[in-house]
C-alpha atoms as a PDB file:
ATOM      1  CA  MET A   1      54.258 174.682 -11.545  1.00  0.00           C
ATOM      2  CA  ASP A   2      50.741 174.386 -10.268  1.00  0.00           C
ATOM      3  CA  LEU A   3      51.290 175.654  -6.805  1.00  0.00           C
ATOM      4  CA  ASN A   4      48.014 174.482  -5.214  1.00  0.00           C
ATOM      5  CA  GLY A   5      48.812 171.857  -2.681  1.00  0.00           C
ATOM      6  CA  LYS A   6      52.502 172.223  -2.961  1.00  0.00           C
ATOM      7  CA  VAL A   7      54.644 172.320   0.254  1.00  0.00           C
ATOM      8  CA  ALA A   8      57.055 175.009   0.968  1.00  0.00           C
ATOM      9  CA  ILE A   9      59.610 175.530   3.790  1.00  0.00           C
ATOM     10  CA  VAL A  10      60.436 179.195   4.375  1.00  0.00           C
ATOM     11  CA  THR A  11      63.154 180.082   6.786  1.00  0.00           C
ATOM     12  CA  GLY A  12      63.184 183.465   8.541  1.00  0.00           C
ATOM     13  CA  SER A  13      59.404 183.440   8.400  1.00  0.00           C
ATOM     14  CA  SER A  14      58.590 185.057  11.696  1.00  0.00           C
ATOM     15  CA  ARG A  15      58.987 188.418  10.127  1.00  0.00           C
ATOM     16  CA  GLY A  16      60.256 190.488   7.116  1.00  0.00           C
ATOM     17  CA  LEU A  17      60.856 188.914   3.726  1.00  0.00           C
ATOM     18  CA  GLY A  18      60.156 185.312   5.063  1.00  0.00           C
ATOM     19  CA  LYS A  19      56.699 186.375   6.502  1.00  0.00           C
ATOM     20  CA  ALA A  20      55.664 188.174   3.269  1.00  0.00           C
ATOM     21  CA  ILE A  21      56.731 185.180   1.139  1.00  0.00           C
ATOM     22  CA  SER A  22      54.962 182.767   3.345  1.00  0.00           C
ATOM     23  CA  LYS A  23      51.627 184.576   3.293  1.00  0.00           C
ATOM     24  CA  THR A  24      51.864 185.042  -0.467  1.00  0.00           C
ATOM     25  CA  LEU A  25      52.392 181.418  -1.098  1.00  0.00           C
ATOM     26  CA  ALA A  26      49.607 180.402   1.285  1.00  0.00           C
ATOM     27  CA  ARG A  27      47.205 182.615  -0.580  1.00  0.00           C
ATOM     28  CA  VAL A  28      47.687 180.445  -3.696  1.00  0.00           C
ATOM     29  CA  GLY A  29      47.199 177.243  -1.904  1.00  0.00           C
ATOM     30  CA  VAL A  30      50.709 176.310  -0.918  1.00  0.00           C
ATOM     31  CA  LYS A  31      51.061 174.561   2.513  1.00  0.00           C
ATOM     32  CA  VAL A  32      53.700 176.637   4.299  1.00  0.00           C
ATOM     33  CA  VAL A  33      56.202 175.422   6.931  1.00  0.00           C
ATOM     34  CA  LEU A  34      57.358 178.453   8.942  1.00  0.00           C
ATOM     35  CA  ALA A  35      60.861 177.916  10.167  1.00  0.00           C
ATOM     36  CA  ALA A  36      62.517 180.440  12.400  1.00  0.00           C
ATOM     37  CA  ARG A  37      63.856 180.707  15.928  1.00  0.00           C
ATOM     38  CA  THR A  38      61.324 183.183  17.290  1.00  0.00           C
ATOM     39  CA  GLU A  39      58.342 181.512  18.818  1.00  0.00           C
ATOM     40  CA  LEU A  40      57.760 184.166  21.570  1.00  0.00           C
ATOM     41  CA  PRO A  41      57.597 187.941  21.080  1.00  0.00           C
ATOM     42  CA  HIS A  42      60.951 189.829  20.914  1.00  0.00           C
ATOM     43  CA  PRO A  43      61.187 192.925  23.115  1.00  0.00           C
ATOM     44  CA  ARG A  44      62.418 195.074  20.231  1.00  0.00           C
ATOM     45  CA  ILE A  45      61.361 193.414  16.956  1.00  0.00           C
ATOM     46  CA  ASP A  46      57.842 192.524  16.079  1.00  0.00           C
ATOM     47  CA  GLY A  47      56.978 188.984  14.813  1.00  0.00           C
ATOM     48  CA  THR A  48      56.905 185.337  15.635  1.00  0.00           C
ATOM     49  CA  ILE A  49      56.238 182.079  13.675  1.00  0.00           C
ATOM     50  CA  MET A  50      53.133 181.698  15.776  1.00  0.00           C
ATOM     51  CA  LYS A  51      51.917 185.097  14.689  1.00  0.00           C
ATOM     52  CA  THR A  52      52.625 184.541  11.042  1.00  0.00           C
ATOM     53  CA  ALA A  53      50.858 181.045  11.184  1.00  0.00           C
ATOM     54  CA  GLU A  54      47.713 182.799  12.804  1.00  0.00           C
ATOM     55  CA  GLU A  55      47.665 185.456  10.037  1.00  0.00           C
ATOM     56  CA  ILE A  56      47.824 182.732   7.368  1.00  0.00           C
ATOM     57  CA  ILE A  57      45.166 180.536   8.955  1.00  0.00           C
ATOM     58  CA  ALA A  58      42.837 183.573   9.449  1.00  0.00           C
ATOM     59  CA  GLU A  59      43.086 184.134   5.643  1.00  0.00           C
ATOM     60  CA  GLY A  60      42.162 180.461   5.017  1.00  0.00           C
ATOM     61  CA  GLY A  61      45.591 179.191   4.370  1.00  0.00           C
ATOM     62  CA  ILE A  62      47.600 176.181   5.895  1.00  0.00           C
ATOM     63  CA  ALA A  63      50.696 176.874   7.961  1.00  0.00           C
ATOM     64  CA  LEU A  64      52.905 174.774  10.216  1.00  0.00           C
ATOM     65  CA  PRO A  65      55.092 176.578  12.592  1.00  0.00           C
ATOM     66  CA  VAL A  66      58.413 174.918  13.451  1.00  0.00           C
ATOM     67  CA  LYS A  67      61.037 176.469  15.724  1.00  0.00           C
ATOM     68  CA  CYS A  68      64.306 175.940  13.946  1.00  0.00           C
ATOM     69  CA  ASN A  69      67.800 177.434  14.299  1.00  0.00           C
ATOM     70  CA  VAL A  70      69.354 176.790  10.820  1.00  0.00           C
ATOM     71  CA  THR A  71      72.859 176.462  12.357  1.00  0.00           C
ATOM     72  CA  SER A  72      71.698 173.339  14.140  1.00  0.00           C
ATOM     73  CA  ASP A  73      71.690 170.022  12.274  1.00  0.00           C
ATOM     74  CA  ASP A  74      69.302 168.504  14.828  1.00  0.00           C
ATOM     75  CA  ASP A  75      66.851 171.405  14.339  1.00  0.00           C
ATOM     76  CA  ILE A  76      67.000 170.967  10.632  1.00  0.00           C
ATOM     77  CA  SER A  77      66.486 167.323  10.779  1.00  0.00           C
ATOM     78  CA  LEU A  78      63.316 167.804  13.043  1.00  0.00           C
ATOM     79  CA  LEU A  79      62.130 170.496  10.648  1.00  0.00           C
ATOM     80  CA  VAL A  80      62.269 168.149   7.677  1.00  0.00           C
ATOM     81  CA  GLU A  81      60.878 165.197   9.698  1.00  0.00           C
ATOM     82  CA  ASN A  82      57.934 167.307  10.887  1.00  0.00           C
ATOM     83  CA  THR A  83      57.185 168.568   7.439  1.00  0.00           C
ATOM     84  CA  LEU A  84      57.240 165.087   5.812  1.00  0.00           C
ATOM     85  CA  LYS A  85      55.097 163.778   8.738  1.00  0.00           C
ATOM     86  CA  GLN A  86      52.542 166.483   8.295  1.00  0.00           C
ATOM     87  CA  PHE A  87      52.523 166.893   4.517  1.00  0.00           C
ATOM     88  CA  ASP A  88      54.453 163.882   3.040  1.00  0.00           C
ATOM     89  CA  ARG A  89      56.414 166.028   0.513  1.00  0.00           C
ATOM     90  CA  ILE A  90      58.591 169.124   0.052  1.00  0.00           C
ATOM     91  CA  ASP A  91      58.343 171.115  -3.139  1.00  0.00           C
ATOM     92  CA  ILE A  92      59.840 174.541  -2.344  1.00  0.00           C
ATOM     93  CA  LEU A  93      62.583 175.858  -0.120  1.00  0.00           C
ATOM     94  CA  VAL A  94      63.174 179.586   0.284  1.00  0.00           C
ATOM     95  CA  HIS A  95      66.061 180.414   2.575  1.00  0.00           C
ATOM     96  CA  CYS A  96      65.651 183.947   3.989  1.00  0.00           C
ATOM     97  CA  ALA A  97      67.123 183.385   7.446  1.00  0.00           C
ATOM     98  CA  ALA A  98      70.463 185.245   7.771  1.00  0.00           C
ATOM     99  CA  ALA A  99      72.925 186.679  10.323  1.00  0.00           C
ATOM    100  CA  ASN A 100      74.415 190.090   9.785  1.00  0.00           C
ATOM    101  CA  PHE A 101      77.270 191.664  11.709  1.00  0.00           C
ATOM    102  CA  PRO A 102      79.149 194.813  10.525  1.00  0.00           C
ATOM    103  CA  GLY A 103      82.793 195.022   9.998  1.00  0.00           C
ATOM    104  CA  GLY A 104      85.578 193.403   8.024  1.00  0.00           C
ATOM    105  CA  ILE A 105      87.842 190.401   8.562  1.00  0.00           C
ATOM    106  CA  GLU A 106      89.962 192.188  11.090  1.00  0.00           C
ATOM    107  CA  ALA A 107      87.187 193.488  13.228  1.00  0.00           C
ATOM    108  CA  THR A 108      84.960 190.464  13.181  1.00  0.00           C
ATOM    109  CA  GLN A 109      85.371 188.098  16.105  1.00  0.00           C
ATOM    110  CA  LEU A 110      85.710 184.467  15.180  1.00  0.00           C
ATOM    111  CA  ALA A 111      82.570 183.596  17.126  1.00  0.00           C
ATOM    112  CA  LYS A 112      80.548 185.970  14.889  1.00  0.00           C
ATOM    113  CA  TRP A 113      82.332 184.575  11.816  1.00  0.00           C
ATOM    114  CA  ASP A 114      81.074 181.077  12.744  1.00  0.00           C
ATOM    115  CA  ILE A 115      77.510 182.484  13.104  1.00  0.00           C
ATOM    116  CA  LEU A 116      77.617 184.214   9.648  1.00  0.00           C
ATOM    117  CA  MET A 117      78.990 181.244   7.850  1.00  0.00           C
ATOM    118  CA  GLY A 118      76.922 178.754   9.760  1.00  0.00           C
ATOM    119  CA  LEU A 119      73.661 180.496   8.882  1.00  0.00           C
ATOM    120  CA  ASN A 120      74.292 182.169   5.540  1.00  0.00           C
ATOM    121  CA  PHE A 121      76.465 179.367   3.967  1.00  0.00           C
ATOM    122  CA  ARG A 122      76.528 176.075   5.807  1.00  0.00           C
ATOM    123  CA  GLY A 123      72.859 176.444   6.847  1.00  0.00           C
ATOM    124  CA  LEU A 124      71.927 176.568   3.192  1.00  0.00           C
ATOM    125  CA  ALA A 125      73.929 173.455   2.472  1.00  0.00           C
ATOM    126  CA  ALA A 126      72.393 171.473   5.369  1.00  0.00           C
ATOM    127  CA  LEU A 127      68.893 172.442   4.571  1.00  0.00           C
ATOM    128  CA  VAL A 128      69.250 171.529   0.874  1.00  0.00           C
ATOM    129  CA  LYS A 129      70.882 168.112   1.694  1.00  0.00           C
ATOM    130  CA  SER A 130      67.938 167.437   4.070  1.00  0.00           C
ATOM    131  CA  ILE A 131      65.195 168.193   1.634  1.00  0.00           C
ATOM    132  CA  LEU A 132      66.870 166.743  -1.492  1.00  0.00           C
ATOM    133  CA  PRO A 133      65.570 163.186  -1.149  1.00  0.00           C
ATOM    134  CA  SER A 134      61.935 164.409  -1.202  1.00  0.00           C
ATOM    135  CA  MET A 135      62.428 166.675  -4.206  1.00  0.00           C
ATOM    136  CA  LYS A 136      64.263 163.880  -6.051  1.00  0.00           C
ATOM    137  CA  GLN A 137      61.431 161.508  -5.391  1.00  0.00           C
ATOM    138  CA  GLN A 138      58.997 163.958  -6.944  1.00  0.00           C
ATOM    139  CA  GLY A 139      61.300 164.704  -9.870  1.00  0.00           C
ATOM    140  CA  GLU A 140      61.043 168.544  -9.440  1.00  0.00           C
ATOM    141  CA  GLY A 141      61.460 171.263  -6.967  1.00  0.00           C
ATOM    142  CA  HIS A 142      62.329 174.974  -6.451  1.00  0.00           C
ATOM    143  CA  ILE A 143      65.113 176.236  -4.066  1.00  0.00           C
ATOM    144  CA  ILE A 144      65.598 179.925  -3.728  1.00  0.00           C
ATOM    145  CA  ASN A 145      68.437 181.419  -1.619  1.00  0.00           C
ATOM    146  CA  VAL A 146      68.303 185.173  -0.639  1.00  0.00           C
ATOM    147  CA  SER A 147      71.679 186.270  -1.788  1.00  0.00           C
ATOM    148  CA  PRO A 148      73.075 188.722  -4.410  1.00  0.00           C
ATOM    149  CA  LYS A 149      74.724 188.528  -7.686  1.00  0.00           C
ATOM    150  CA  ILE A 150      78.519 187.851  -7.663  1.00  0.00           C
ATOM    151  CA  ASN A 151      79.978 191.409  -7.431  1.00  0.00           C
ATOM    152  CA  HIS A 152      83.588 192.026  -6.251  1.00  0.00           C
ATOM    153  CA  ALA A 153      82.501 195.550  -5.136  1.00  0.00           C
ATOM    154  CA  LEU A 154      80.229 194.018  -2.547  1.00  0.00           C
ATOM    155  CA  THR A 155      83.268 192.556  -0.663  1.00  0.00           C
ATOM    156  CA  GLU A 156      83.627 196.065   0.773  1.00  0.00           C
ATOM    157  CA  GLY A 157      80.781 195.173   3.035  1.00  0.00           C
ATOM    158  CA  GLY A 158      82.987 192.840   5.109  1.00  0.00           C
ATOM    159  CA  THR A 159      82.365 189.365   6.417  1.00  0.00           C
ATOM    160  CA  TYR A 160      78.507 189.627   5.862  1.00  0.00           C
ATOM    161  CA  SER A 161      78.826 190.423   2.244  1.00  0.00           C
ATOM    162  CA  LEU A 162      81.479 187.713   1.820  1.00  0.00           C
ATOM    163  CA  SER A 163      79.200 185.087   3.421  1.00  0.00           C
ATOM    164  CA  LYS A 164      76.421 186.053   1.104  1.00  0.00           C
ATOM    165  CA  GLN A 165      78.632 186.018  -2.061  1.00  0.00           C
ATOM    166  CA  ILE A 166      79.843 182.566  -1.065  1.00  0.00           C
ATOM    167  CA  SER A 167      76.329 181.248  -0.627  1.00  0.00           C
ATOM    168  CA  THR A 168      75.553 182.589  -4.106  1.00  0.00           C
ATOM    169  CA  LEU A 169      78.425 180.454  -5.441  1.00  0.00           C
ATOM    170  CA  LEU A 170      77.059 177.530  -3.610  1.00  0.00           C
ATOM    171  CA  SER A 171      73.587 178.115  -5.113  1.00  0.00           C
ATOM    172  CA  LEU A 172      75.028 178.149  -8.564  1.00  0.00           C
ATOM    173  CA  THR A 173      77.118 174.981  -7.983  1.00  0.00           C
ATOM    174  CA  MET A 174      73.838 173.318  -6.736  1.00  0.00           C
ATOM    175  CA  ALA A 175      71.837 174.511  -9.747  1.00  0.00           C
ATOM    176  CA  GLU A 176      74.352 172.787 -12.027  1.00  0.00           C
ATOM    177  CA  GLU A 177      74.372 169.545 -10.084  1.00  0.00           C
ATOM    178  CA  PHE A 178      70.637 169.310  -9.507  1.00  0.00           C
ATOM    179  CA  LYS A 179      69.599 169.926 -13.133  1.00  0.00           C
ATOM    180  CA  GLN A 180      69.545 166.140 -13.629  1.00  0.00           C
ATOM    181  CA  TYR A 181      66.753 165.842 -10.935  1.00  0.00           C
ATOM    182  CA  GLY A 182      64.609 168.623 -12.308  1.00  0.00           C
ATOM    183  CA  ILE A 183      65.362 170.732  -9.312  1.00  0.00           C
ATOM    184  CA  ALA A 184      65.795 174.501  -9.820  1.00  0.00           C
ATOM    185  CA  VAL A 185      68.207 176.562  -7.685  1.00  0.00           C
ATOM    186  CA  ASN A 186      68.135 180.398  -8.058  1.00  0.00           C
ATOM    187  CA  THR A 187      69.151 183.316  -5.955  1.00  0.00           C
ATOM    188  CA  LEU A 188      67.131 186.448  -5.354  1.00  0.00           C
ATOM    189  CA  TRP A 189      68.082 189.727  -3.757  1.00  0.00           C
ATOM    190  CA  PRO A 190      66.082 192.870  -2.961  1.00  0.00           C
ATOM    191  CA  GLU A 191      66.974 195.903  -5.260  1.00  0.00           C
ATOM    192  CA  GLY A 192      67.056 198.986  -3.011  1.00  0.00           C
ATOM    193  CA  SER A 193      65.479 199.194   0.435  1.00  0.00           C
ATOM    194  CA  LEU A 194      62.523 197.130   1.680  1.00  0.00           C
ATOM    195  CA  ARG A 195      60.922 198.108   5.058  1.00  0.00           C
ATOM    196  CA  THR A 196      61.058 194.957   7.304  1.00  0.00           C
ATOM    197  CA  GLU A 197      60.617 194.891  11.094  1.00  0.00           C
ATOM    198  CA  GLY A 198      64.375 194.392  11.422  1.00  0.00           C
ATOM    199  CA  MET A 199      65.136 197.504   9.357  1.00  0.00           C
ATOM    200  CA  ILE A 200      62.500 199.482  11.407  1.00  0.00           C
ATOM    201  CA  ALA A 201      64.280 198.230  14.677  1.00  0.00           C
ATOM    202  CA  MET A 202      67.699 199.378  13.399  1.00  0.00           C
ATOM    203  CA  GLY A 203      66.286 202.718  12.424  1.00  0.00           C
ATOM    204  CA  ARG A 204      67.079 202.098   8.732  1.00  0.00           C
ATOM    205  CA  ILE A 205      63.949 203.677   7.279  1.00  0.00           C
ATOM    206  CA  ASN A 206      63.587 206.337   4.667  1.00  0.00           C
ATOM    207  CA  SER A 207      61.212 207.667   2.035  1.00  0.00           C
ATOM    208  CA  ASN A 208      62.401 205.180  -0.603  1.00  0.00           C
ATOM    209  CA  ASN A 209      61.475 202.072   1.538  1.00  0.00           C
ATOM    210  CA  GLN A 210      59.118 199.839  -0.241  1.00  0.00           C
ATOM    211  CA  ASP A 211      56.805 196.865   0.963  1.00  0.00           C
ATOM    212  CA  PRO A 212      58.483 193.436   1.383  1.00  0.00           C
ATOM    213  CA  GLN A 213      55.445 192.303  -0.746  1.00  0.00           C
ATOM    214  CA  ARG A 214      57.583 193.291  -3.762  1.00  0.00           C
ATOM    215  CA  PHE A 215      60.096 190.591  -2.867  1.00  0.00           C
ATOM    216  CA  ALA A 216      57.411 188.053  -2.151  1.00  0.00           C
ATOM    217  CA  ASP A 217      55.817 188.713  -5.571  1.00  0.00           C
ATOM    218  CA  ALA A 218      59.108 188.034  -7.169  1.00  0.00           C
ATOM    219  CA  VAL A 219      59.469 184.664  -5.230  1.00  0.00           C
ATOM    220  CA  PHE A 220      55.992 183.738  -6.502  1.00  0.00           C
ATOM    221  CA  GLU A 221      56.944 184.429 -10.120  1.00  0.00           C
ATOM    222  CA  ILE A 222      59.931 182.234  -9.827  1.00  0.00           C
ATOM    223  CA  VAL A 223      58.290 179.202  -8.099  1.00  0.00           C
ATOM    224  CA  SER A 224      55.556 179.434 -10.688  1.00  0.00           C
ATOM    225  CA  LYS A 225      57.995 178.623 -13.497  1.00  0.00           C
ATOM    226  CA  ASP A 226      58.999 175.049 -14.643  1.00  0.00           C
ATOM    227  CA  PRO A 227      61.894 174.190 -12.453  1.00  0.00           C
ATOM    228  CA  LYS A 228      63.434 172.141 -15.297  1.00  0.00           C
ATOM    229  CA  ALA A 229      63.568 175.232 -17.520  1.00  0.00           C
ATOM    230  CA  TYR A 230      64.328 178.061 -15.073  1.00  0.00           C
ATOM    231  CA  THR A 231      67.536 177.466 -12.970  1.00  0.00           C
ATOM    232  CA  GLY A 232      70.952 178.902 -12.224  1.00  0.00           C
ATOM    233  CA  HIS A 233      69.833 182.491 -12.208  1.00  0.00           C
ATOM    234  CA  THR A 234      71.019 185.286  -9.793  1.00  0.00           C
ATOM    235  CA  LEU A 235      68.327 187.833  -9.880  1.00  0.00           C
ATOM    236  CA  SER A 236      67.009 191.061  -8.142  1.00  0.00           C
ATOM    237  CA  ASP A 237      63.357 191.125  -7.328  1.00  0.00           C
ATOM    238  CA  ILE A 238      62.899 194.135  -9.696  1.00  0.00           C
ATOM    239  CA  GLU A 239      64.436 192.107 -12.474  1.00  0.00           C
ATOM    240  CA  ILE A 240      62.193 188.992 -12.164  1.00  0.00           C
ATOM    241  CA  LEU A 241      59.089 191.429 -12.005  1.00  0.00           C
ATOM    242  CA  ARG A 242      60.157 193.125 -15.019  1.00  0.00           C
ATOM    243  CA  GLU A 243      60.510 189.808 -16.834  1.00  0.00           C
ATOM    244  CA  VAL A 244      56.741 189.298 -16.320  1.00  0.00           C
ATOM    245  CA  GLY A 245      56.038 192.847 -17.646  1.00  0.00           C
ATOM    246  CA  ILE A 246      55.731 194.832 -14.427  1.00  0.00           C
ATOM    247  CA  GLU A 247      57.295 198.266 -14.800  1.00  0.00           C
ATOM    248  CA  ASP A 248      55.350 200.425 -12.287  1.00  0.00           C
ATOM    249  CA  PHE A 249      56.448 199.542  -8.717  1.00  0.00           C
ATOM    250  CA  SER A 250      54.545 202.472  -7.022  1.00  0.00           C
ATOM    251  CA  LYS A 251      52.075 200.031  -5.547  1.00  0.00           C
ATOM    252  CA  TYR A 252      54.766 198.927  -3.252  1.00  0.00           C
ATOM    253  CA  ASP A 253      55.522 202.465  -1.979  1.00  0.00           C
ATOM    254  CA  LEU A 254      55.069 202.929   1.832  1.00  0.00           C
ATOM    255  CA  PRO A 255      54.427 206.026   3.891  1.00  0.00           C
ATOM    256  CA  GLN A 256      57.250 207.736   5.596  1.00  0.00           C
ATOM    257  CA  LEU A 257      57.702 206.579   9.284  1.00  0.00           C
ATOM    258  CA  GLU A 258      59.328 208.720  11.915  1.00  0.00           C
ATOM    259  CA  GLU A 259      62.834 207.343  12.718  1.00  0.00           C
ATOM    260  CA  ASN A 260      61.948 206.752  16.290  1.00  0.00           C
ATOM    261  CA  SER A 261      58.915 204.656  15.535  1.00  0.00           C
END
C-alpha cells in the first residue's frame, strides 16, 4: 500500500504502543485518528490524545483526537462518524487499547471480567463491524490487533491472557471471512519487554526494556504490504522486522531507569 493520504484509527493512542504507532504512521503521510479515553492528564501515567496530537502536528502530520471508550458502542459510532466526516475514508485500524487485571478465573471479579472481555474481545469486534463498510467500499484495508499467538501455556496468565487469546482467534476468523473484500487482518505482539508509560508507572522496568518504536516499525511494515496478499498471520514484532532483513535491534535499546522514576 502507498500510505500517503491513507486514514488510520489507532486505539490506545494517548501513550505507549498506540502513541508510537500513531506518530510513525503520521510521519509517512497517514492521517491518524487518535482514539483513547484520556483527554486530560492522568496523575500517575503520562500521556493524553491531545498531547499525542500536538506532537504529530508539530512534526507536520495530521491528527484527529477523539475521546473513545472502546467498550461503548455509542463511542465507537461517534469515532467512526467523526473519522468519515473529517477524512471520508478508513484504511487502517490498529487496536492497541486493552484492559489488564491480574489473577485467574476464581480471583477475578465478574465486573473486571466484563471489562476485560468488553475491551480486549468485544471491543475489537465492535470496532471492526463499524469500519468494515468503509474498507469494503475501498476494496482493501489493514486491521491489526495487538494480541499473541495461540499458545496454551499463556493461559497460565489468567483471565487477561485468556481474553487476548480469544481475540487472536477472533482476528483469524475475521481474516478468513474478509479475504473476499481484500481486507487483511493480522495480529502483532511485542516480543520481550517494551518500556511504555504504563510499564514505568507499574515499576516494570529493567535493563532489557526496548523502545516502543520497535513495535511501531513492525506495524508500519505490515500496513505497507498488499492486504490482499498478507493476511491471517499471528506475529511478533521481532518476527516481522526480521522478515524485512533487520537483525540488529540495538537501536531500540534504552538507558536504565531507576525503579522509582
